[in-house]
Full PDB file with SEQRES, HELIX, SHEET, SSBOND, CRYST1, ORIGX, SCALE, CONECT and MASTER records, all heavy atoms in Angstrom:
SEQRES   1 A   35  VAL VAL ARG GLU THR GLY GLY LEU VAL ASP THR VAL PRO          
SEQRES   2 A   35  HIS ASP VAL GLY PHE ARG PHE SER GLY GLU THR PRO GLY          
SEQRES   3 A   35  ASP LEU ALA ALA ALA CYS ARG GLU ALA                          
HELIX    1 AA1 GLY A    6  THR A   11  1                                   6    
HELIX    2 AA2 PRO A   25  GLU A   34  1                                  10    
SHEET    1 AA1 2 VAL A   2  ARG A   3  0                                        
SHEET    2 AA1 2 ARG A  19  PHE A  20  1                                        
CRYST1    1.000    1.000    1.000  90.00  90.00  90.00 P 1           1          
ORIGX1      1.000000  0.000000  0.000000        0.00000                         
ORIGX2      0.000000  1.000000  0.000000        0.00000                         
ORIGX3      0.000000  0.000000  1.000000        0.00000                         
SCALE1      1.000000  0.000000  0.000000        0.00000                         
SCALE2      0.000000  1.000000  0.000000        0.00000                         
SCALE3      0.000000  0.000000  1.000000        0.00000                         
ATOM      1  N   VAL A   1     236.550 171.883 135.613  1.00  0.00           N  
ATOM      2  CA  VAL A   1     237.353 171.041 134.719  1.00  0.00           C  
ATOM      3  C   VAL A   1     238.727 171.057 135.439  1.00  0.00           C  
ATOM      4  O   VAL A   1     239.411 172.032 135.529  1.00  0.00           O  
ATOM      5  CB  VAL A   1     237.492 171.644 133.307  1.00  0.00           C  
ATOM      6  CG1 VAL A   1     238.461 170.799 132.535  1.00  0.00           C  
ATOM      7  CG2 VAL A   1     236.145 171.770 132.693  1.00  0.00           C  
ATOM      8  N   VAL A   2     239.130 169.851 135.944  1.00  0.00           N  
ATOM      9  CA  VAL A   2     240.307 169.810 136.821  1.00  0.00           C  
ATOM     10  C   VAL A   2     241.225 168.727 136.468  1.00  0.00           C  
ATOM     11  O   VAL A   2     240.846 167.677 135.943  1.00  0.00           O  
ATOM     12  CB  VAL A   2     239.835 169.639 138.337  1.00  0.00           C  
ATOM     13  CG1 VAL A   2     238.954 170.747 138.808  1.00  0.00           C  
ATOM     14  CG2 VAL A   2     239.095 168.244 138.534  1.00  0.00           C  
ATOM     15  N   ARG A   3     242.487 168.965 136.785  1.00  0.00           N  
ATOM     16  CA  ARG A   3     243.528 167.852 136.646  1.00  0.00           C  
ATOM     17  C   ARG A   3     243.369 166.943 137.856  1.00  0.00           C  
ATOM     18  O   ARG A   3     243.165 167.453 139.026  1.00  0.00           O  
ATOM     19  CB  ARG A   3     244.906 168.382 136.482  1.00  0.00           C  
ATOM     20  CG  ARG A   3     245.966 167.346 136.304  1.00  0.00           C  
ATOM     21  CD  ARG A   3     247.270 167.885 135.873  1.00  0.00           C  
ATOM     22  NE  ARG A   3     248.192 166.772 135.784  1.00  0.00           N  
ATOM     23  CZ  ARG A   3     248.938 166.340 136.784  1.00  0.00           C  
ATOM     24  NH1 ARG A   3     248.890 166.983 137.939  1.00  0.00           N  
ATOM     25  NH2 ARG A   3     249.737 165.262 136.621  1.00  0.00           N  
ATOM     26  N   GLU A   4     243.592 165.670 137.625  1.00  0.00           N  
ATOM     27  CA  GLU A   4     243.425 164.678 138.803  1.00  0.00           C  
ATOM     28  C   GLU A   4     244.640 164.745 139.689  1.00  0.00           C  
ATOM     29  O   GLU A   4     245.604 163.997 139.538  1.00  0.00           O  
ATOM     30  CB  GLU A   4     243.158 163.274 138.232  1.00  0.00           C  
ATOM     31  CG  GLU A   4     241.796 163.179 137.569  1.00  0.00           C  
ATOM     32  CD  GLU A   4     241.471 161.729 137.198  1.00  0.00           C  
ATOM     33  OE1 GLU A   4     242.437 161.079 136.640  1.00  0.00           O  
ATOM     34  OE2 GLU A   4     240.388 161.256 137.412  1.00  0.00           O  
ATOM     35  N   THR A   5     244.611 165.613 140.691  1.00  0.00           N  
ATOM     36  CA  THR A   5     245.725 165.727 141.630  1.00  0.00           C  
ATOM     37  C   THR A   5     245.232 166.339 142.971  1.00  0.00           C  
ATOM     38  O   THR A   5     244.153 167.076 142.972  1.00  0.00           O  
ATOM     39  CB  THR A   5     246.863 166.595 141.090  1.00  0.00           C  
ATOM     40  OG1 THR A   5     247.949 166.676 141.942  1.00  0.00           O  
ATOM     41  CG2 THR A   5     246.379 168.054 140.889  1.00  0.00           C  
ATOM     42  N   GLY A   6     245.820 165.936 144.072  1.00  0.00           N  
ATOM     43  CA  GLY A   6     245.584 166.470 145.415  1.00  0.00           C  
ATOM     44  C   GLY A   6     244.083 166.617 145.736  1.00  0.00           C  
ATOM     45  O   GLY A   6     243.324 165.651 145.459  1.00  0.00           O  
ATOM     46  N   GLY A   7     243.712 167.739 146.288  1.00  0.00           N  
ATOM     47  CA  GLY A   7     242.364 167.933 146.740  1.00  0.00           C  
ATOM     48  C   GLY A   7     241.303 167.956 145.607  1.00  0.00           C  
ATOM     49  O   GLY A   7     240.120 167.833 145.880  1.00  0.00           O  
ATOM     50  N   LEU A   8     241.746 168.159 144.402  1.00  0.00           N  
ATOM     51  CA  LEU A   8     240.757 168.152 143.243  1.00  0.00           C  
ATOM     52  C   LEU A   8     240.206 166.734 143.123  1.00  0.00           C  
ATOM     53  O   LEU A   8     239.088 166.604 142.783  1.00  0.00           O  
ATOM     54  CB  LEU A   8     241.497 168.581 142.005  1.00  0.00           C  
ATOM     55  CG  LEU A   8     242.095 170.028 142.047  1.00  0.00           C  
ATOM     56  CD1 LEU A   8     242.773 170.343 140.746  1.00  0.00           C  
ATOM     57  CD2 LEU A   8     241.059 171.012 142.420  1.00  0.00           C  
ATOM     58  N   VAL A   9     241.060 165.658 143.328  1.00  0.00           N  
ATOM     59  CA  VAL A   9     240.588 164.339 143.327  1.00  0.00           C  
ATOM     60  C   VAL A   9     239.554 164.101 144.460  1.00  0.00           C  
ATOM     61  O   VAL A   9     238.524 163.441 144.232  1.00  0.00           O  
ATOM     62  CB  VAL A   9     241.793 163.323 143.499  1.00  0.00           C  
ATOM     63  CG1 VAL A   9     241.238 161.904 143.595  1.00  0.00           C  
ATOM     64  CG2 VAL A   9     242.703 163.471 142.234  1.00  0.00           C  
ATOM     65  N   ASP A  10     239.840 164.642 145.583  1.00  0.00           N  
ATOM     66  CA  ASP A  10     238.940 164.371 146.768  1.00  0.00           C  
ATOM     67  C   ASP A  10     237.657 165.168 146.798  1.00  0.00           C  
ATOM     68  O   ASP A  10     236.807 164.890 147.615  1.00  0.00           O  
ATOM     69  CB  ASP A  10     239.823 164.754 148.078  1.00  0.00           C  
ATOM     70  CG  ASP A  10     241.051 163.903 148.230  1.00  0.00           C  
ATOM     71  OD1 ASP A  10     241.024 162.679 147.853  1.00  0.00           O  
ATOM     72  OD2 ASP A  10     242.017 164.408 148.737  1.00  0.00           O  
ATOM     73  N   THR A  11     237.504 166.180 145.922  1.00  0.00           N  
ATOM     74  CA  THR A  11     236.359 167.022 146.033  1.00  0.00           C  
ATOM     75  C   THR A  11     235.512 167.057 144.760  1.00  0.00           C  
ATOM     76  O   THR A  11     234.336 167.436 144.832  1.00  0.00           O  
ATOM     77  CB  THR A  11     236.773 168.555 146.341  1.00  0.00           C  
ATOM     78  OG1 THR A  11     237.723 168.983 145.330  1.00  0.00           O  
ATOM     79  CG2 THR A  11     237.413 168.644 147.682  1.00  0.00           C  
ATOM     80  N   VAL A  12     236.046 166.676 143.567  1.00  0.00           N  
ATOM     81  CA  VAL A  12     235.273 166.837 142.386  1.00  0.00           C  
ATOM     82  C   VAL A  12     234.839 165.452 141.879  1.00  0.00           C  
ATOM     83  O   VAL A  12     235.667 164.672 141.339  1.00  0.00           O  
ATOM     84  CB  VAL A  12     236.121 167.509 141.253  1.00  0.00           C  
ATOM     85  CG1 VAL A  12     235.291 167.625 139.934  1.00  0.00           C  
ATOM     86  CG2 VAL A  12     236.515 168.926 141.672  1.00  0.00           C  
ATOM     87  N   PRO A  13     233.567 165.101 142.100  1.00  0.00           N  
ATOM     88  CA  PRO A  13     233.091 163.712 141.593  1.00  0.00           C  
ATOM     89  C   PRO A  13     233.014 163.616 140.136  1.00  0.00           C  
ATOM     90  O   PRO A  13     232.828 164.610 139.394  1.00  0.00           O  
ATOM     91  CB  PRO A  13     231.680 163.649 142.288  1.00  0.00           C  
ATOM     92  CG  PRO A  13     231.604 164.656 143.322  1.00  0.00           C  
ATOM     93  CD  PRO A  13     232.578 165.840 142.858  1.00  0.00           C  
ATOM     94  N   HIS A  14     233.198 162.418 139.660  1.00  0.00           N  
ATOM     95  CA  HIS A  14     233.146 162.228 138.123  1.00  0.00           C  
ATOM     96  C   HIS A  14     231.804 162.571 137.626  1.00  0.00           C  
ATOM     97  O   HIS A  14     231.668 162.961 136.413  1.00  0.00           O  
ATOM     98  CB  HIS A  14     233.371 160.720 137.832  1.00  0.00           C  
ATOM     99  CG  HIS A  14     234.889 160.349 137.947  1.00  0.00           C  
ATOM    100  ND1 HIS A  14     235.770 160.796 137.035  1.00  0.00           N  
ATOM    101  CD2 HIS A  14     235.545 159.669 138.872  1.00  0.00           C  
ATOM    102  CE1 HIS A  14     236.987 160.283 137.419  1.00  0.00           C  
ATOM    103  NE2 HIS A  14     236.858 159.617 138.474  1.00  0.00           N  
ATOM    104  N   ASP A  15     230.730 162.464 138.404  1.00  0.00           N  
ATOM    105  CA  ASP A  15     229.365 162.779 137.884  1.00  0.00           C  
ATOM    106  C   ASP A  15     229.025 164.206 138.028  1.00  0.00           C  
ATOM    107  O   ASP A  15     227.839 164.633 137.804  1.00  0.00           O  
ATOM    108  CB  ASP A  15     228.321 161.851 138.542  1.00  0.00           C  
ATOM    109  CG  ASP A  15     228.197 162.101 140.021  1.00  0.00           C  
ATOM    110  OD1 ASP A  15     229.001 162.809 140.575  1.00  0.00           O  
ATOM    111  OD2 ASP A  15     227.203 161.524 140.591  1.00  0.00           O  
ATOM    112  N   VAL A  16     229.948 165.047 138.501  1.00  0.00           N  
ATOM    113  CA  VAL A  16     229.750 166.497 138.548  1.00  0.00           C  
ATOM    114  C   VAL A  16     230.654 167.152 137.574  1.00  0.00           C  
ATOM    115  O   VAL A  16     230.216 167.877 136.646  1.00  0.00           O  
ATOM    116  CB  VAL A  16     229.932 167.040 139.953  1.00  0.00           C  
ATOM    117  CG1 VAL A  16     229.807 168.548 139.971  1.00  0.00           C  
ATOM    118  CG2 VAL A  16     228.869 166.433 140.936  1.00  0.00           C  
ATOM    119  N   GLY A  17     232.008 167.082 137.828  1.00  0.00           N  
ATOM    120  CA  GLY A  17     232.981 167.844 137.007  1.00  0.00           C  
ATOM    121  C   GLY A  17     233.595 166.988 135.932  1.00  0.00           C  
ATOM    122  O   GLY A  17     233.216 165.809 135.691  1.00  0.00           O  
ATOM    123  N   PHE A  18     234.672 167.486 135.283  1.00  0.00           N  
ATOM    124  CA  PHE A  18     235.346 166.800 134.218  1.00  0.00           C  
ATOM    125  C   PHE A  18     236.837 166.777 134.569  1.00  0.00           C  
ATOM    126  O   PHE A  18     237.471 167.848 134.839  1.00  0.00           O  
ATOM    127  CB  PHE A  18     235.142 167.594 132.930  1.00  0.00           C  
ATOM    128  CG  PHE A  18     233.742 167.749 132.595  1.00  0.00           C  
ATOM    129  CD1 PHE A  18     232.960 168.861 133.039  1.00  0.00           C  
ATOM    130  CD2 PHE A  18     233.026 166.827 131.735  1.00  0.00           C  
ATOM    131  CE1 PHE A  18     231.641 168.995 132.731  1.00  0.00           C  
ATOM    132  CE2 PHE A  18     231.679 166.948 131.446  1.00  0.00           C  
ATOM    133  CZ  PHE A  18     231.007 168.035 131.939  1.00  0.00           C  
ATOM    134  N   ARG A  19     237.344 165.519 134.714  1.00  0.00           N  
ATOM    135  CA  ARG A  19     238.716 165.359 135.210  1.00  0.00           C  
ATOM    136  C   ARG A  19     239.625 164.792 134.092  1.00  0.00           C  
ATOM    137  O   ARG A  19     239.183 164.006 133.262  1.00  0.00           O  
ATOM    138  CB  ARG A  19     238.707 164.389 136.392  1.00  0.00           C  
ATOM    139  CG  ARG A  19     237.959 165.034 137.631  1.00  0.00           C  
ATOM    140  CD  ARG A  19     237.544 164.069 138.711  1.00  0.00           C  
ATOM    141  NE  ARG A  19     238.439 163.049 139.005  1.00  0.00           N  
ATOM    142  CZ  ARG A  19     238.341 162.213 140.118  1.00  0.00           C  
ATOM    143  NH1 ARG A  19     237.332 162.512 141.039  1.00  0.00           N  
ATOM    144  NH2 ARG A  19     239.116 161.255 140.343  1.00  0.00           N  
ATOM    145  N   PHE A  20     240.941 165.175 134.189  1.00  0.00           N  
ATOM    146  CA  PHE A  20     241.939 164.652 133.214  1.00  0.00           C  
ATOM    147  C   PHE A  20     243.193 164.385 134.051  1.00  0.00           C  
ATOM    148  O   PHE A  20     243.444 165.054 134.908  1.00  0.00           O  
ATOM    149  CB  PHE A  20     242.103 165.634 132.051  1.00  0.00           C  
ATOM    150  CG  PHE A  20     242.692 166.913 132.447  1.00  0.00           C  
ATOM    151  CD1 PHE A  20     244.020 167.236 132.246  1.00  0.00           C  
ATOM    152  CD2 PHE A  20     241.819 167.982 132.854  1.00  0.00           C  
ATOM    153  CE1 PHE A  20     244.574 168.498 132.575  1.00  0.00           C  
ATOM    154  CE2 PHE A  20     242.348 169.260 133.241  1.00  0.00           C  
ATOM    155  CZ  PHE A  20     243.737 169.491 133.018  1.00  0.00           C  
ATOM    156  N   SER A  21     243.979 163.464 133.540  1.00  0.00           N  
ATOM    157  CA  SER A  21     245.122 163.097 134.319  1.00  0.00           C  
ATOM    158  C   SER A  21     246.488 163.520 133.704  1.00  0.00           C  
ATOM    159  O   SER A  21     247.516 163.545 134.334  1.00  0.00           O  
ATOM    160  CB  SER A  21     245.197 161.592 134.398  1.00  0.00           C  
ATOM    161  OG  SER A  21     245.209 160.888 133.139  1.00  0.00           O  
ATOM    162  N   GLY A  22     246.450 163.920 132.421  1.00  0.00           N  
ATOM    163  CA  GLY A  22     247.628 164.353 131.748  1.00  0.00           C  
ATOM    164  C   GLY A  22     248.177 165.717 132.181  1.00  0.00           C  
ATOM    165  O   GLY A  22     247.544 166.410 133.000  1.00  0.00           O  
ATOM    166  N   GLU A  23     249.258 166.136 131.554  1.00  0.00           N  
ATOM    167  CA  GLU A  23     249.769 167.370 131.951  1.00  0.00           C  
ATOM    168  C   GLU A  23     250.208 168.154 130.711  1.00  0.00           C  
ATOM    169  O   GLU A  23     251.308 168.815 130.645  1.00  0.00           O  
ATOM    170  CB  GLU A  23     251.065 167.152 132.826  1.00  0.00           C  
ATOM    171  CG  GLU A  23     251.482 168.306 133.715  1.00  0.00           C  
ATOM    172  CD  GLU A  23     252.566 167.924 134.691  1.00  0.00           C  
ATOM    173  OE1 GLU A  23     252.429 166.874 135.362  1.00  0.00           O  
ATOM    174  OE2 GLU A  23     253.484 168.632 134.791  1.00  0.00           O  
ATOM    175  N   THR A  24     249.339 168.211 129.691  1.00  0.00           N  
ATOM    176  CA  THR A  24     249.641 168.917 128.544  1.00  0.00           C  
ATOM    177  C   THR A  24     248.464 169.842 128.127  1.00  0.00           C  
ATOM    178  O   THR A  24     247.347 169.590 128.579  1.00  0.00           O  
ATOM    179  CB  THR A  24     249.929 167.998 127.293  1.00  0.00           C  
ATOM    180  OG1 THR A  24     248.658 167.325 126.966  1.00  0.00           O  
ATOM    181  CG2 THR A  24     250.939 166.921 127.665  1.00  0.00           C  
ATOM    182  N   PRO A  25     248.701 170.843 127.274  1.00  0.00           N  
ATOM    183  CA  PRO A  25     247.617 171.680 126.912  1.00  0.00           C  
ATOM    184  C   PRO A  25     246.569 170.865 126.157  1.00  0.00           C  
ATOM    185  O   PRO A  25     245.282 171.140 126.293  1.00  0.00           O  
ATOM    186  CB  PRO A  25     248.278 172.704 125.914  1.00  0.00           C  
ATOM    187  CG  PRO A  25     249.680 172.725 126.329  1.00  0.00           C  
ATOM    188  CD  PRO A  25     250.000 171.376 126.802  1.00  0.00           C  
ATOM    189  N   GLY A  26     246.935 169.829 125.462  1.00  0.00           N  
ATOM    190  CA  GLY A  26     246.022 168.928 124.723  1.00  0.00           C  
ATOM    191  C   GLY A  26     245.105 168.212 125.669  1.00  0.00           C  
ATOM    192  O   GLY A  26     243.867 168.021 125.342  1.00  0.00           O  
ATOM    193  N   ASP A  27     245.610 167.790 126.809  1.00  0.00           N  
ATOM    194  CA  ASP A  27     244.732 167.060 127.817  1.00  0.00           C  
ATOM    195  C   ASP A  27     243.752 168.015 128.361  1.00  0.00           C  
ATOM    196  O   ASP A  27     242.554 167.629 128.569  1.00  0.00           O  
ATOM    197  CB  ASP A  27     245.630 166.583 128.922  1.00  0.00           C  
ATOM    198  CG  ASP A  27     246.645 165.535 128.537  1.00  0.00           C  
ATOM    199  OD1 ASP A  27     246.275 164.670 127.757  1.00  0.00           O  
ATOM    200  OD2 ASP A  27     247.816 165.568 128.902  1.00  0.00           O  
ATOM    201  N   LEU A  28     244.134 169.223 128.644  1.00  0.00           N  
ATOM    202  CA  LEU A  28     243.120 170.257 129.160  1.00  0.00           C  
ATOM    203  C   LEU A  28     242.127 170.536 128.116  1.00  0.00           C  
ATOM    204  O   LEU A  28     240.896 170.558 128.381  1.00  0.00           O  
ATOM    205  CB  LEU A  28     243.812 171.555 129.583  1.00  0.00           C  
ATOM    206  CG  LEU A  28     242.979 172.802 129.847  1.00  0.00           C  
ATOM    207  CD1 LEU A  28     242.083 172.499 131.072  1.00  0.00           C  
ATOM    208  CD2 LEU A  28     243.857 174.005 130.152  1.00  0.00           C  
ATOM    209  N   ALA A  29     242.548 170.767 126.872  1.00  0.00           N  
ATOM    210  CA  ALA A  29     241.592 171.128 125.745  1.00  0.00           C  
ATOM    211  C   ALA A  29     240.589 169.925 125.545  1.00  0.00           C  
ATOM    212  O   ALA A  29     239.412 170.205 125.354  1.00  0.00           O  
ATOM    213  CB  ALA A  29     242.381 171.428 124.482  1.00  0.00           C  
ATOM    214  N   ALA A  30     241.104 168.720 125.641  1.00  0.00           N  
ATOM    215  CA  ALA A  30     240.178 167.554 125.453  1.00  0.00           C  
ATOM    216  C   ALA A  30     239.149 167.530 126.537  1.00  0.00           C  
ATOM    217  O   ALA A  30     237.964 167.216 126.271  1.00  0.00           O  
ATOM    218  CB  ALA A  30     241.004 166.260 125.439  1.00  0.00           C  
ATOM    219  N   ALA A  31     239.486 167.783 127.773  1.00  0.00           N  
ATOM    220  CA  ALA A  31     238.563 167.767 128.893  1.00  0.00           C  
ATOM    221  C   ALA A  31     237.523 168.905 128.714  1.00  0.00           C  
ATOM    222  O   ALA A  31     236.306 168.703 128.983  1.00  0.00           O  
ATOM    223  CB  ALA A  31     239.222 167.901 130.225  1.00  0.00           C  
ATOM    224  N   CYS A  32     237.980 170.058 128.275  1.00  0.00           N  
ATOM    225  CA  CYS A  32     237.070 171.149 128.005  1.00  0.00           C  
ATOM    226  C   CYS A  32     236.173 170.889 126.857  1.00  0.00           C  
ATOM    227  O   CYS A  32     234.964 171.316 126.817  1.00  0.00           O  
ATOM    228  CB  CYS A  32     237.871 172.444 127.746  1.00  0.00           C  
ATOM    229  SG  CYS A  32     238.719 173.053 129.202  1.00  0.00           S  
ATOM    230  N   ARG A  33     236.682 170.135 125.844  1.00  0.00           N  
ATOM    231  CA  ARG A  33     235.817 169.743 124.751  1.00  0.00           C  
ATOM    232  C   ARG A  33     234.719 168.793 125.236  1.00  0.00           C  
ATOM    233  O   ARG A  33     233.557 168.860 124.754  1.00  0.00           O  
ATOM    234  CB  ARG A  33     236.662 169.077 123.614  1.00  0.00           C  
ATOM    235  CG  ARG A  33     235.826 168.706 122.413  1.00  0.00           C  
ATOM    236  CD  ARG A  33     235.274 169.865 121.752  1.00  0.00           C  
ATOM    237  NE  ARG A  33     234.479 169.542 120.588  1.00  0.00           N  
ATOM    238  CZ  ARG A  33     233.557 170.311 120.001  1.00  0.00           C  
ATOM    239  NH1 ARG A  33     233.246 171.412 120.470  1.00  0.00           N  
ATOM    240  NH2 ARG A  33     232.881 169.884 118.888  1.00  0.00           N  
ATOM    241  N   GLU A  34     235.125 167.846 126.133  1.00  0.00           N  
ATOM    242  CA  GLU A  34     234.096 166.937 126.629  1.00  0.00           C  
ATOM    243  C   GLU A  34     232.985 167.711 127.383  1.00  0.00           C  
ATOM    244  O   GLU A  34     231.790 167.446 127.249  1.00  0.00           O  
ATOM    245  CB  GLU A  34     234.780 165.959 127.616  1.00  0.00           C  
ATOM    246  CG  GLU A  34     233.761 164.980 128.274  1.00  0.00           C  
ATOM    247  CD  GLU A  34     234.438 164.183 129.368  1.00  0.00           C  
ATOM    248  OE1 GLU A  34     235.600 164.253 129.595  1.00  0.00           O  
ATOM    249  OE2 GLU A  34     233.663 163.419 130.044  1.00  0.00           O  
ATOM    250  N   ALA A  35     233.436 168.720 128.149  1.00  0.00           N  
ATOM    251  CA  ALA A  35     232.463 169.547 128.837  1.00  0.00           C  
ATOM    252  C   ALA A  35     231.537 170.265 127.900  1.00  0.00           C  
ATOM    253  O   ALA A  35     230.329 170.418 128.101  1.00  0.00           O  
ATOM    254  CB  ALA A  35     233.249 170.532 129.777  1.00  0.00           C  
TER     255      ALA A  35                                                      
MASTER        0    0    0    2    2    0    0    6  254    1    0    3          
END                                                                             
């Protein structure tokens, strides 16, 4: 579960991991909830 930045964009495909673009605890929690 990664934020969309730097090498995380280049290595984590959408059909494998869970990506989020925001920079708040809520953004992280939402991506973890999706997972």
